[in-house]
Amino acid sequence: MTFSIQSTLSAIKAFGTKMGVTANNIAKVETKGFKKSTATLVEGSKENVEVEIDQPDIPGPVVVEVTNGQLTEKEMSNVDLAEEIPQTMIAQRGYEANLAALRTQDEMLKSIIDIIK
């Protein structure tokens, strides 16, 4: 039972980290040259959930600006909101599901203790 609680708690923490990475990407969507990060949930030791954070080498769109009569190219952020918004929904639902599982485990333990008394 404690392994399942530990696994659930690690998943809650992992989904929180995933949401933080996605939120950071969304916050910096307009920052020139910003490179997004991706958070991938993987199975760790003892059935825990771990997060692998990568920064894919995907270039952002290039914008031509006129500065002092000179044309200059500037790379924009490679964050795509069409990818990031669904990631927030996935992280939110995963967080909620694991929180519900933790509550259920708590109720089961309480019932077992009540039976033993």
N, C-alpha and C. Protein backbone atom coordinates (compact mmCIF):
# COMPACT_ATOMS: atom_id res chain seq x y z
N MET A 1 0.83 -1.20 0.00
CA MET A 1 0.00 0.00 0.00
C MET A 1 0.87 1.26 0.00
N THR A 2 1.98 1.23 0.76
CA THR A 2 2.82 2.43 0.82
C THR A 2 3.50 2.69 -0.52
N PHE A 3 3.78 1.60 -1.30
CA PHE A 3 4.36 1.80 -2.63
C PHE A 3 3.39 2.54 -3.53
N SER A 4 2.10 2.21 -3.42
CA SER A 4 1.12 2.88 -4.28
C SER A 4 0.96 4.35 -3.88
N ILE A 5 1.04 4.63 -2.60
CA ILE A 5 0.96 6.03 -2.15
C ILE A 5 2.19 6.79 -2.63
N GLN A 6 3.36 6.16 -2.50
CA GLN A 6 4.59 6.81 -2.95
C GLN A 6 4.56 7.05 -4.46
N SER A 7 4.05 6.09 -5.20
CA SER A 7 3.94 6.23 -6.65
C SER A 7 2.98 7.34 -7.02
N THR A 8 1.85 7.41 -6.31
CA THR A 8 0.87 8.47 -6.58
C THR A 8 1.44 9.84 -6.25
N LEU A 9 2.14 9.94 -5.14
CA LEU A 9 2.74 11.23 -4.77
C LEU A 9 3.81 11.65 -5.79
N SER A 10 4.58 10.69 -6.29
CA SER A 10 5.58 11.05 -7.30
C SER A 10 4.92 11.51 -8.59
N ALA A 11 3.77 10.92 -8.93
CA ALA A 11 3.04 11.34 -10.13
C ALA A 11 2.48 12.75 -9.95
N ILE A 12 1.97 13.05 -8.77
CA ILE A 12 1.45 14.41 -8.51
C ILE A 12 2.58 15.42 -8.66
N LYS A 13 3.73 15.10 -8.10
CA LYS A 13 4.89 16.01 -8.21
C LYS A 13 5.32 16.14 -9.68
N ALA A 14 5.32 15.03 -10.42
CA ALA A 14 5.74 15.06 -11.82
C ALA A 14 4.78 15.90 -12.67
N PHE A 15 3.48 15.74 -12.45
CA PHE A 15 2.53 16.55 -13.21
C PHE A 15 2.65 18.03 -12.84
N GLY A 16 2.98 18.33 -11.58
CA GLY A 16 3.23 19.72 -11.19
C GLY A 16 4.43 20.30 -11.92
N THR A 17 5.49 19.50 -12.04
CA THR A 17 6.68 19.93 -12.78
C THR A 17 6.36 20.14 -14.25
N LYS A 18 5.59 19.21 -14.82
CA LYS A 18 5.20 19.33 -16.23
C LYS A 18 4.40 20.62 -16.45
N MET A 19 3.50 20.93 -15.54
CA MET A 19 2.71 22.16 -15.65
C MET A 19 3.61 23.38 -15.54
N GLY A 20 4.61 23.33 -14.66
CA GLY A 20 5.54 24.45 -14.51
C GLY A 20 6.35 24.70 -15.77
N VAL A 21 6.81 23.63 -16.42
CA VAL A 21 7.57 23.76 -17.66
C VAL A 21 6.69 24.37 -18.75
N THR A 22 5.47 23.87 -18.86
CA THR A 22 4.54 24.39 -19.88
C THR A 22 4.19 25.84 -19.60
N ALA A 23 3.96 26.18 -18.33
CA ALA A 23 3.64 27.57 -17.97
C ALA A 23 4.79 28.50 -18.31
N ASN A 24 6.01 28.05 -18.08
CA ASN A 24 7.18 28.86 -18.41
C ASN A 24 7.25 29.10 -19.93
N ASN A 25 6.98 28.05 -20.69
CA ASN A 25 6.98 28.21 -22.16
C ASN A 25 5.94 29.22 -22.60
N ILE A 26 4.75 29.13 -22.04
CA ILE A 26 3.67 30.04 -22.42
C ILE A 26 4.02 31.47 -22.01
N ALA A 27 4.61 31.63 -20.84
CA ALA A 27 4.96 32.98 -20.36
C ALA A 27 6.00 33.65 -21.25
N LYS A 28 6.84 32.86 -21.89
CA LYS A 28 7.93 33.43 -22.69
C LYS A 28 7.70 33.29 -24.19
N VAL A 29 6.43 33.11 -24.58
CA VAL A 29 6.11 32.89 -26.00
C VAL A 29 6.53 34.08 -26.87
N GLU A 30 6.56 35.28 -26.33
CA GLU A 30 6.90 36.47 -27.10
C GLU A 30 8.36 36.90 -26.93
N THR A 31 9.15 36.13 -26.20
CA THR A 31 10.54 36.47 -25.97
C THR A 31 11.39 36.05 -27.16
N LYS A 32 12.09 37.00 -27.74
CA LYS A 32 12.92 36.71 -28.91
C LYS A 32 14.03 35.73 -28.55
N GLY A 33 14.17 34.69 -29.37
CA GLY A 33 15.23 33.72 -29.20
C GLY A 33 15.01 32.68 -28.11
N PHE A 34 13.88 32.74 -27.41
CA PHE A 34 13.62 31.77 -26.34
C PHE A 34 13.41 30.38 -26.93
N LYS A 35 14.01 29.36 -26.33
CA LYS A 35 13.85 27.97 -26.75
C LYS A 35 13.00 27.24 -25.71
N LYS A 36 11.93 26.65 -26.17
CA LYS A 36 11.02 25.96 -25.25
C LYS A 36 11.66 24.70 -24.68
N SER A 37 11.09 24.27 -23.56
CA SER A 37 11.48 23.01 -22.93
C SER A 37 10.30 22.05 -23.01
N THR A 38 10.59 20.76 -23.01
CA THR A 38 9.53 19.77 -22.97
C THR A 38 9.75 18.87 -21.77
N ALA A 39 8.65 18.53 -21.11
CA ALA A 39 8.71 17.64 -19.95
C ALA A 39 8.02 16.33 -20.33
N THR A 40 8.76 15.24 -20.20
CA THR A 40 8.24 13.92 -20.51
C THR A 40 8.21 13.10 -19.23
N LEU A 41 7.07 12.48 -18.96
CA LEU A 41 6.94 11.64 -17.78
C LEU A 41 7.40 10.22 -18.12
N VAL A 42 8.26 9.67 -17.28
CA VAL A 42 8.79 8.32 -17.51
C VAL A 42 8.70 7.52 -16.20
N GLU A 43 8.70 6.21 -16.35
CA GLU A 43 8.67 5.34 -15.18
C GLU A 43 10.06 5.29 -14.57
N GLY A 44 10.12 5.56 -13.29
CA GLY A 44 11.39 5.54 -12.59
C GLY A 44 11.53 4.29 -11.75
N SER A 45 12.43 4.32 -10.81
CA SER A 45 12.63 3.17 -9.93
C SER A 45 11.46 3.01 -8.98
N LYS A 46 11.20 1.80 -8.58
CA LYS A 46 10.11 1.47 -7.64
C LYS A 46 8.76 1.98 -8.12
N GLU A 47 8.54 1.95 -9.43
CA GLU A 47 7.28 2.36 -10.05
C GLU A 47 6.93 3.83 -9.80
N ASN A 48 7.91 4.65 -9.49
CA ASN A 48 7.69 6.08 -9.34
C ASN A 48 7.66 6.74 -10.70
N VAL A 49 7.09 7.92 -10.74
CA VAL A 49 7.03 8.71 -11.97
C VAL A 49 8.11 9.78 -11.89
N GLU A 50 8.91 9.87 -12.94
CA GLU A 50 9.97 10.87 -13.00
C GLU A 50 9.76 11.75 -14.22
N VAL A 51 10.38 12.90 -14.21
CA VAL A 51 10.24 13.85 -15.31
C VAL A 51 11.59 14.04 -15.99
N GLU A 52 11.59 13.92 -17.31
CA GLU A 52 12.77 14.24 -18.10
C GLU A 52 12.49 15.54 -18.84
N ILE A 53 13.32 16.55 -18.61
CA ILE A 53 13.13 17.84 -19.25
C ILE A 53 14.19 18.00 -20.33
N ASP A 54 13.73 18.23 -21.54
CA ASP A 54 14.62 18.40 -22.69
C ASP A 54 14.36 19.77 -23.32
N GLN A 55 15.32 20.22 -24.09
CA GLN A 55 15.16 21.44 -24.85
C GLN A 55 15.46 21.09 -26.31
N PRO A 56 14.39 20.76 -27.08
CA PRO A 56 14.62 20.35 -28.47
C PRO A 56 15.24 21.48 -29.28
N ASP A 57 16.10 21.11 -30.21
CA ASP A 57 16.79 22.10 -31.03
C ASP A 57 15.94 22.40 -32.27
N ILE A 58 14.84 23.09 -32.04
CA ILE A 58 13.94 23.48 -33.12
C ILE A 58 14.02 25.00 -33.25
N PRO A 59 14.38 25.49 -34.42
CA PRO A 59 14.49 26.95 -34.55
C PRO A 59 13.11 27.61 -34.55
N GLY A 60 13.08 28.83 -34.06
CA GLY A 60 11.85 29.61 -34.11
C GLY A 60 11.76 30.35 -35.44
N PRO A 61 10.61 30.94 -35.70
CA PRO A 61 10.47 31.69 -36.95
C PRO A 61 11.41 32.91 -36.97
N VAL A 62 11.86 33.26 -38.14
CA VAL A 62 12.76 34.40 -38.31
C VAL A 62 11.95 35.60 -38.79
N VAL A 63 12.16 36.73 -38.14
CA VAL A 63 11.47 37.97 -38.47
C VAL A 63 12.51 38.98 -38.94
N VAL A 64 12.19 39.70 -40.00
CA VAL A 64 13.09 40.75 -40.50
C VAL A 64 12.62 42.07 -39.92
N GLU A 65 13.54 42.79 -39.27
CA GLU A 65 13.23 44.09 -38.69
C GLU A 65 14.12 45.15 -39.31
N VAL A 66 13.59 46.35 -39.35
CA VAL A 66 14.37 47.49 -39.84
C VAL A 66 14.84 48.28 -38.62
N THR A 67 16.17 48.35 -38.45
CA THR A 67 16.77 49.09 -37.34
C THR A 67 17.78 50.07 -37.91
N ASN A 68 17.53 51.35 -37.71
CA ASN A 68 18.42 52.40 -38.22
C ASN A 68 18.67 52.24 -39.73
N GLY A 69 17.63 51.91 -40.46
CA GLY A 69 17.77 51.74 -41.91
C GLY A 69 18.39 50.44 -42.34
N GLN A 70 18.75 49.59 -41.42
CA GLN A 70 19.37 48.29 -41.71
C GLN A 70 18.33 47.18 -41.52
N LEU A 71 18.36 46.21 -42.41
CA LEU A 71 17.51 45.04 -42.25
C LEU A 71 18.26 44.02 -41.39
N THR A 72 17.62 43.57 -40.32
CA THR A 72 18.23 42.55 -39.45
C THR A 72 17.24 41.41 -39.25
N GLU A 73 17.78 40.20 -39.23
CA GLU A 73 16.96 39.03 -38.98
C GLU A 73 17.06 38.66 -37.51
N LYS A 74 15.90 38.39 -36.91
CA LYS A 74 15.87 37.98 -35.51
C LYS A 74 15.01 36.74 -35.38
N GLU A 75 15.55 35.78 -34.64
CA GLU A 75 14.80 34.55 -34.41
C GLU A 75 13.84 34.75 -33.23
N MET A 76 12.61 34.37 -33.43
CA MET A 76 11.60 34.48 -32.39
C MET A 76 11.58 33.19 -31.56
N SER A 77 10.73 33.14 -30.58
CA SER A 77 10.57 31.96 -29.74
C SER A 77 10.04 30.79 -30.57
N ASN A 78 10.45 29.58 -30.21
CA ASN A 78 9.95 28.40 -30.91
C ASN A 78 8.75 27.78 -30.19
N VAL A 79 8.12 28.52 -29.29
CA VAL A 79 6.96 28.04 -28.56
C VAL A 79 5.73 28.12 -29.46
N ASP A 80 4.99 27.03 -29.55
CA ASP A 80 3.75 26.98 -30.31
C ASP A 80 2.60 26.79 -29.33
N LEU A 81 1.75 27.80 -29.20
CA LEU A 81 0.64 27.72 -28.24
C LEU A 81 -0.32 26.58 -28.56
N ALA A 82 -0.42 26.20 -29.83
CA ALA A 82 -1.29 25.08 -30.22
C ALA A 82 -0.78 23.76 -29.64
N GLU A 83 0.49 23.69 -29.28
CA GLU A 83 1.05 22.51 -28.61
C GLU A 83 1.02 22.67 -27.10
N GLU A 84 1.22 23.87 -26.62
CA GLU A 84 1.37 24.09 -25.18
C GLU A 84 0.04 24.03 -24.42
N ILE A 85 -1.01 24.59 -24.98
CA ILE A 85 -2.31 24.61 -24.28
C ILE A 85 -2.82 23.20 -24.01
N PRO A 86 -2.79 22.28 -25.00
CA PRO A 86 -3.21 20.91 -24.67
C PRO A 86 -2.34 20.25 -23.59
N GLN A 87 -1.05 20.61 -23.54
CA GLN A 87 -0.18 20.05 -22.50
C GLN A 87 -0.62 20.49 -21.10
N THR A 88 -1.15 21.71 -20.99
CA THR A 88 -1.65 22.16 -19.68
C THR A 88 -2.87 21.34 -19.27
N MET A 89 -3.71 21.01 -20.25
CA MET A 89 -4.90 20.20 -19.95
C MET A 89 -4.51 18.78 -19.53
N ILE A 90 -3.53 18.21 -20.22
CA ILE A 90 -3.06 16.87 -19.87
C ILE A 90 -2.48 16.86 -18.46
N ALA A 91 -1.67 17.85 -18.16
CA ALA A 91 -1.05 17.93 -16.83
C ALA A 91 -2.12 18.13 -15.75
N GLN A 92 -3.10 18.97 -16.01
CA GLN A 92 -4.15 19.23 -15.04
C GLN A 92 -4.96 17.96 -14.76
N ARG A 93 -5.36 17.26 -15.81
CA ARG A 93 -6.16 16.04 -15.64
C ARG A 93 -5.35 14.94 -14.94
N GLY A 94 -4.08 14.82 -15.28
CA GLY A 94 -3.23 13.84 -14.62
C GLY A 94 -3.06 14.14 -13.14
N TYR A 95 -2.90 15.41 -12.83
CA TYR A 95 -2.77 15.85 -11.44
C TYR A 95 -4.06 15.52 -10.68
N GLU A 96 -5.21 15.86 -11.29
CA GLU A 96 -6.50 15.61 -10.64
C GLU A 96 -6.75 14.12 -10.44
N ALA A 97 -6.41 13.29 -11.43
CA ALA A 97 -6.62 11.85 -11.32
C ALA A 97 -5.78 11.25 -10.19
N ASN A 98 -4.54 11.68 -10.09
CA ASN A 98 -3.68 11.15 -9.04
C ASN A 98 -4.08 11.66 -7.67
N LEU A 99 -4.60 12.87 -7.61
CA LEU A 99 -5.10 13.39 -6.34
C LEU A 99 -6.32 12.59 -5.89
N ALA A 100 -7.20 12.25 -6.83
CA ALA A 100 -8.37 11.42 -6.50
C ALA A 100 -7.93 10.03 -6.03
N ALA A 101 -6.91 9.47 -6.67
CA ALA A 101 -6.39 8.16 -6.26
C ALA A 101 -5.82 8.24 -4.85
N LEU A 102 -5.13 9.33 -4.53
CA LEU A 102 -4.56 9.50 -3.20
C LEU A 102 -5.66 9.60 -2.15
N ARG A 103 -6.72 10.33 -2.47
CA ARG A 103 -7.86 10.43 -1.54
C ARG A 103 -8.49 9.07 -1.31
N THR A 104 -8.65 8.29 -2.37
CA THR A 104 -9.23 6.95 -2.25
C THR A 104 -8.35 6.06 -1.39
N GLN A 105 -7.05 6.12 -1.58
CA GLN A 105 -6.14 5.32 -0.77
C GLN A 105 -6.23 5.73 0.70
N ASP A 106 -6.38 7.03 0.96
CA ASP A 106 -6.52 7.52 2.32
C ASP A 106 -7.80 6.98 2.96
N GLU A 107 -8.88 7.00 2.19
CA GLU A 107 -10.16 6.49 2.70
C GLU A 107 -10.08 4.99 2.99
N MET A 108 -9.39 4.23 2.12
CA MET A 108 -9.24 2.79 2.34
C MET A 108 -8.43 2.52 3.60
N LEU A 109 -7.36 3.25 3.80
CA LEU A 109 -6.56 3.07 5.01
C LEU A 109 -7.37 3.40 6.26
N LYS A 110 -8.18 4.44 6.18
CA LYS A 110 -9.02 4.81 7.31
C LYS A 110 -10.02 3.70 7.61
N SER A 111 -10.60 3.13 6.56
CA SER A 111 -11.55 2.03 6.76
C SER A 111 -10.89 0.82 7.38
N ILE A 112 -9.68 0.51 6.93
CA ILE A 112 -8.94 -0.62 7.51
C ILE A 112 -8.65 -0.40 8.98
N ILE A 113 -8.24 0.82 9.32
CA ILE A 113 -7.97 1.15 10.73
C ILE A 113 -9.24 1.04 11.55
N ASP A 114 -10.38 1.50 11.02
CA ASP A 114 -11.65 1.41 11.73
C ASP A 114 -12.05 -0.04 11.94
N ILE A 115 -11.79 -0.91 10.98
CA ILE A 115 -12.13 -2.33 11.11
C ILE A 115 -11.27 -2.98 12.19
N ILE A 116 -10.00 -2.61 12.23
CA ILE A 116 -9.06 -3.20 13.19
C ILE A 116 -9.41 -2.78 14.62
N LYS A 117 -9.90 -1.55 14.80
CA LYS A 117 -10.24 -1.06 16.15
C LYS A 117 -11.31 -1.89 16.71
